[in-house]
Amino acid sequence: MNAVHDSLARQGLVRPQQGRMIAGVCAGLARRFGLDPWIARLLFVLALFVIPGSQILVYPVLWLVMPAEKPAYSTVGEL
């Protein structure tokens, strides 16, 4: 599973720490493709109406597969 996480992280598909609603999947997809997170969420919901049930399977899989963004640690006292 680490190989999959590393591969997705290299491609920029990570679940961000900021801007999450549930797990950060839509926010991560939006960041990767240069969209506003609300547009990605809206597209996700609209796709649910076009292909009913598909997102109920896709979202949890992406939640498991997409790695969480590593927190940015600041070094205090370092100039």
N, C-alpha and C. Protein backbone atom coordinates (compact mmCIF):
# COMPACT_ATOMS: atom_id res chain seq x y z
N MET A 1 0.81 -1.19 0.00
CA MET A 1 0.00 0.00 0.00
C MET A 1 0.86 1.26 0.00
N ASN A 2 2.04 1.19 0.58
CA ASN A 2 2.94 2.34 0.60
C ASN A 2 3.37 2.74 -0.81
N ALA A 3 3.53 1.76 -1.69
CA ALA A 3 3.92 2.07 -3.06
C ALA A 3 2.82 2.88 -3.75
N VAL A 4 1.56 2.53 -3.51
CA VAL A 4 0.44 3.25 -4.09
C VAL A 4 0.39 4.66 -3.51
N HIS A 5 0.54 4.79 -2.19
CA HIS A 5 0.54 6.11 -1.55
C HIS A 5 1.66 6.98 -2.09
N ASP A 6 2.85 6.42 -2.22
CA ASP A 6 3.99 7.18 -2.74
C ASP A 6 3.76 7.63 -4.18
N SER A 7 3.20 6.75 -4.99
CA SER A 7 2.93 7.08 -6.38
C SER A 7 1.91 8.21 -6.50
N LEU A 8 0.84 8.13 -5.72
CA LEU A 8 -0.17 9.19 -5.76
C LEU A 8 0.38 10.50 -5.21
N ALA A 9 1.20 10.43 -4.17
CA ALA A 9 1.79 11.64 -3.59
C ALA A 9 2.70 12.32 -4.61
N ARG A 10 3.45 11.54 -5.39
CA ARG A 10 4.32 12.12 -6.42
C ARG A 10 3.50 12.82 -7.50
N GLN A 11 2.29 12.31 -7.76
CA GLN A 11 1.42 12.91 -8.77
C GLN A 11 0.61 14.09 -8.22
N GLY A 12 0.73 14.34 -6.94
CA GLY A 12 0.02 15.46 -6.33
C GLY A 12 -1.36 15.12 -5.83
N LEU A 13 -1.70 13.84 -5.78
CA LEU A 13 -3.01 13.43 -5.27
C LEU A 13 -2.89 13.09 -3.80
N VAL A 14 -3.09 14.08 -2.96
CA VAL A 14 -3.07 13.88 -1.51
C VAL A 14 -4.29 14.55 -0.91
N ARG A 15 -4.71 14.07 0.24
CA ARG A 15 -5.82 14.68 0.96
C ARG A 15 -5.25 15.78 1.86
N PRO A 16 -5.57 17.05 1.56
CA PRO A 16 -4.96 18.15 2.31
C PRO A 16 -5.43 18.22 3.76
N GLN A 17 -4.62 18.84 4.60
CA GLN A 17 -4.98 19.03 6.00
C GLN A 17 -6.01 20.14 6.15
N GLN A 18 -5.95 21.15 5.31
CA GLN A 18 -6.86 22.30 5.38
C GLN A 18 -7.92 22.18 4.29
N GLY A 19 -9.13 22.60 4.60
CA GLY A 19 -10.19 22.64 3.60
C GLY A 19 -10.96 21.35 3.44
N ARG A 20 -10.83 20.44 4.37
CA ARG A 20 -11.56 19.18 4.30
C ARG A 20 -13.00 19.36 4.72
N MET A 21 -13.89 18.55 4.12
CA MET A 21 -15.26 18.49 4.59
C MET A 21 -15.47 17.17 5.34
N ILE A 22 -15.14 16.07 4.71
CA ILE A 22 -15.25 14.76 5.35
C ILE A 22 -13.85 14.17 5.48
N ALA A 23 -13.30 13.73 4.38
CA ALA A 23 -11.97 13.11 4.42
C ALA A 23 -10.95 13.87 3.58
N GLY A 24 -11.40 14.84 2.81
CA GLY A 24 -10.48 15.61 2.00
C GLY A 24 -10.27 15.07 0.60
N VAL A 25 -11.08 14.09 0.19
CA VAL A 25 -10.91 13.50 -1.13
C VAL A 25 -11.21 14.53 -2.22
N CYS A 26 -12.35 15.19 -2.14
CA CYS A 26 -12.71 16.18 -3.17
C CYS A 26 -11.75 17.37 -3.13
N ALA A 27 -11.33 17.78 -1.95
CA ALA A 27 -10.37 18.88 -1.84
C ALA A 27 -9.03 18.49 -2.47
N GLY A 28 -8.61 17.25 -2.28
CA GLY A 28 -7.37 16.78 -2.89
C GLY A 28 -7.47 16.69 -4.40
N LEU A 29 -8.60 16.19 -4.90
CA LEU A 29 -8.80 16.13 -6.34
C LEU A 29 -8.85 17.53 -6.93
N ALA A 30 -9.52 18.44 -6.23
CA ALA A 30 -9.61 19.83 -6.73
C ALA A 30 -8.24 20.47 -6.78
N ARG A 31 -7.45 20.28 -5.76
CA ARG A 31 -6.10 20.87 -5.74
C ARG A 31 -5.26 20.30 -6.87
N ARG A 32 -5.36 19.00 -7.10
CA ARG A 32 -4.56 18.34 -8.13
C ARG A 32 -4.90 18.86 -9.52
N PHE A 33 -6.21 19.09 -9.77
CA PHE A 33 -6.65 19.50 -11.10
C PHE A 33 -6.90 20.99 -11.22
N GLY A 34 -6.52 21.77 -10.20
CA GLY A 34 -6.60 23.22 -10.26
C GLY A 34 -8.01 23.77 -10.19
N LEU A 35 -8.89 23.10 -9.45
CA LEU A 35 -10.26 23.56 -9.29
C LEU A 35 -10.49 24.07 -7.88
N ASP A 36 -11.57 24.81 -7.72
CA ASP A 36 -12.02 25.19 -6.39
C ASP A 36 -12.63 23.94 -5.74
N PRO A 37 -12.37 23.71 -4.45
CA PRO A 37 -12.93 22.51 -3.81
C PRO A 37 -14.45 22.41 -3.91
N TRP A 38 -15.16 23.53 -3.88
CA TRP A 38 -16.62 23.47 -3.98
C TRP A 38 -17.06 23.01 -5.36
N ILE A 39 -16.32 23.36 -6.38
CA ILE A 39 -16.65 22.89 -7.73
C ILE A 39 -16.45 21.39 -7.81
N ALA A 40 -15.37 20.89 -7.24
CA ALA A 40 -15.11 19.45 -7.24
C ALA A 40 -16.21 18.71 -6.48
N ARG A 41 -16.64 19.26 -5.35
CA ARG A 41 -17.72 18.63 -4.57
C ARG A 41 -19.02 18.63 -5.37
N LEU A 42 -19.31 19.73 -6.04
CA LEU A 42 -20.52 19.82 -6.85
C LEU A 42 -20.49 18.81 -7.99
N LEU A 43 -19.35 18.70 -8.67
CA LEU A 43 -19.21 17.71 -9.74
C LEU A 43 -19.37 16.30 -9.22
N PHE A 44 -18.86 16.05 -8.02
CA PHE A 44 -18.98 14.73 -7.41
C PHE A 44 -20.44 14.39 -7.15
N VAL A 45 -21.19 15.36 -6.64
CA VAL A 45 -22.62 15.14 -6.37
C VAL A 45 -23.41 15.01 -7.67
N LEU A 46 -23.09 15.84 -8.66
CA LEU A 46 -23.77 15.74 -9.95
C LEU A 46 -23.52 14.39 -10.61
N ALA A 47 -22.31 13.88 -10.48
CA ALA A 47 -21.99 12.56 -11.03
C ALA A 47 -22.79 11.48 -10.32
N LEU A 48 -23.12 11.71 -9.06
CA LEU A 48 -23.95 10.75 -8.32
C LEU A 48 -25.33 10.63 -8.95
N PHE A 49 -25.86 11.74 -9.47
CA PHE A 49 -27.17 11.69 -10.12
C PHE A 49 -27.10 11.04 -11.49
N VAL A 50 -25.98 11.22 -12.19
CA VAL A 50 -25.83 10.64 -13.52
C VAL A 50 -25.58 9.14 -13.43
N ILE A 51 -24.70 8.74 -12.52
CA ILE A 51 -24.36 7.33 -12.33
C ILE A 51 -24.65 6.99 -10.87
N PRO A 52 -25.90 6.68 -10.53
CA PRO A 52 -26.27 6.47 -9.13
C PRO A 52 -25.46 5.36 -8.45
N GLY A 53 -24.99 5.67 -7.25
CA GLY A 53 -24.30 4.68 -6.44
C GLY A 53 -22.81 4.58 -6.68
N SER A 54 -22.33 5.09 -7.80
CA SER A 54 -20.91 4.91 -8.10
C SER A 54 -20.02 5.63 -7.10
N GLN A 55 -20.40 6.84 -6.68
CA GLN A 55 -19.56 7.60 -5.77
C GLN A 55 -19.57 7.01 -4.37
N ILE A 56 -20.61 6.28 -4.04
CA ILE A 56 -20.66 5.63 -2.73
C ILE A 56 -19.55 4.58 -2.64
N LEU A 57 -19.17 4.02 -3.77
CA LEU A 57 -18.06 3.08 -3.81
C LEU A 57 -16.72 3.78 -4.04
N VAL A 58 -16.73 4.79 -4.89
CA VAL A 58 -15.48 5.47 -5.27
C VAL A 58 -14.90 6.27 -4.11
N TYR A 59 -15.74 7.03 -3.39
CA TYR A 59 -15.24 7.90 -2.32
C TYR A 59 -14.48 7.13 -1.24
N PRO A 60 -15.04 6.03 -0.68
CA PRO A 60 -14.28 5.29 0.34
C PRO A 60 -12.98 4.69 -0.20
N VAL A 61 -12.99 4.25 -1.45
CA VAL A 61 -11.77 3.70 -2.03
C VAL A 61 -10.70 4.78 -2.15
N LEU A 62 -11.10 5.97 -2.63
CA LEU A 62 -10.14 7.07 -2.72
C LEU A 62 -9.67 7.50 -1.33
N TRP A 63 -10.55 7.44 -0.35
CA TRP A 63 -10.20 7.79 1.03
C TRP A 63 -9.08 6.88 1.52
N LEU A 64 -9.18 5.61 1.19
CA LEU A 64 -8.15 4.65 1.61
C LEU A 64 -6.88 4.76 0.80
N VAL A 65 -7.01 5.03 -0.49
CA VAL A 65 -5.85 4.99 -1.39
C VAL A 65 -5.07 6.30 -1.38
N MET A 66 -5.78 7.43 -1.32
CA MET A 66 -5.07 8.73 -1.36
C MET A 66 -4.40 8.99 -0.01
N PRO A 67 -3.11 9.28 -0.02
CA PRO A 67 -2.43 9.55 1.25
C PRO A 67 -2.81 10.92 1.80
N ALA A 68 -2.78 11.04 3.11
CA ALA A 68 -3.01 12.33 3.74
C ALA A 68 -1.76 13.19 3.57
N GLU A 69 -1.98 14.47 3.40
CA GLU A 69 -0.87 15.40 3.27
C GLU A 69 -0.09 15.43 4.58
N LYS A 70 1.20 15.38 4.46
CA LYS A 70 2.03 15.44 5.66
C LYS A 70 2.03 16.86 6.19
N PRO A 71 1.87 17.02 7.50
CA PRO A 71 1.85 18.38 8.05
C PRO A 71 3.21 19.07 7.87
N ALA A 72 3.15 20.35 7.61
CA ALA A 72 4.37 21.14 7.46
C ALA A 72 4.84 21.55 8.85
N TYR A 73 5.98 21.06 9.25
CA TYR A 73 6.54 21.39 10.56
C TYR A 73 7.45 22.60 10.40
N SER A 74 7.29 23.55 11.29
CA SER A 74 8.19 24.70 11.26
C SER A 74 9.25 24.51 12.32
N THR A 75 10.41 24.96 12.01
CA THR A 75 11.51 24.87 12.98
C THR A 75 11.60 26.21 13.70
N VAL A 76 11.27 26.21 14.95
CA VAL A 76 11.24 27.43 15.74
C VAL A 76 12.67 27.83 16.09
N GLY A 77 12.97 29.09 15.91
CA GLY A 77 14.28 29.60 16.27
C GLY A 77 15.31 29.50 15.15
N GLU A 78 14.94 28.87 14.04
CA GLU A 78 15.87 28.74 12.94
C GLU A 78 15.64 29.87 11.96
N LEU A 79 16.66 30.55 11.53
CA LEU A 79 16.53 31.68 10.59
C LEU A 79 16.96 31.30 9.23
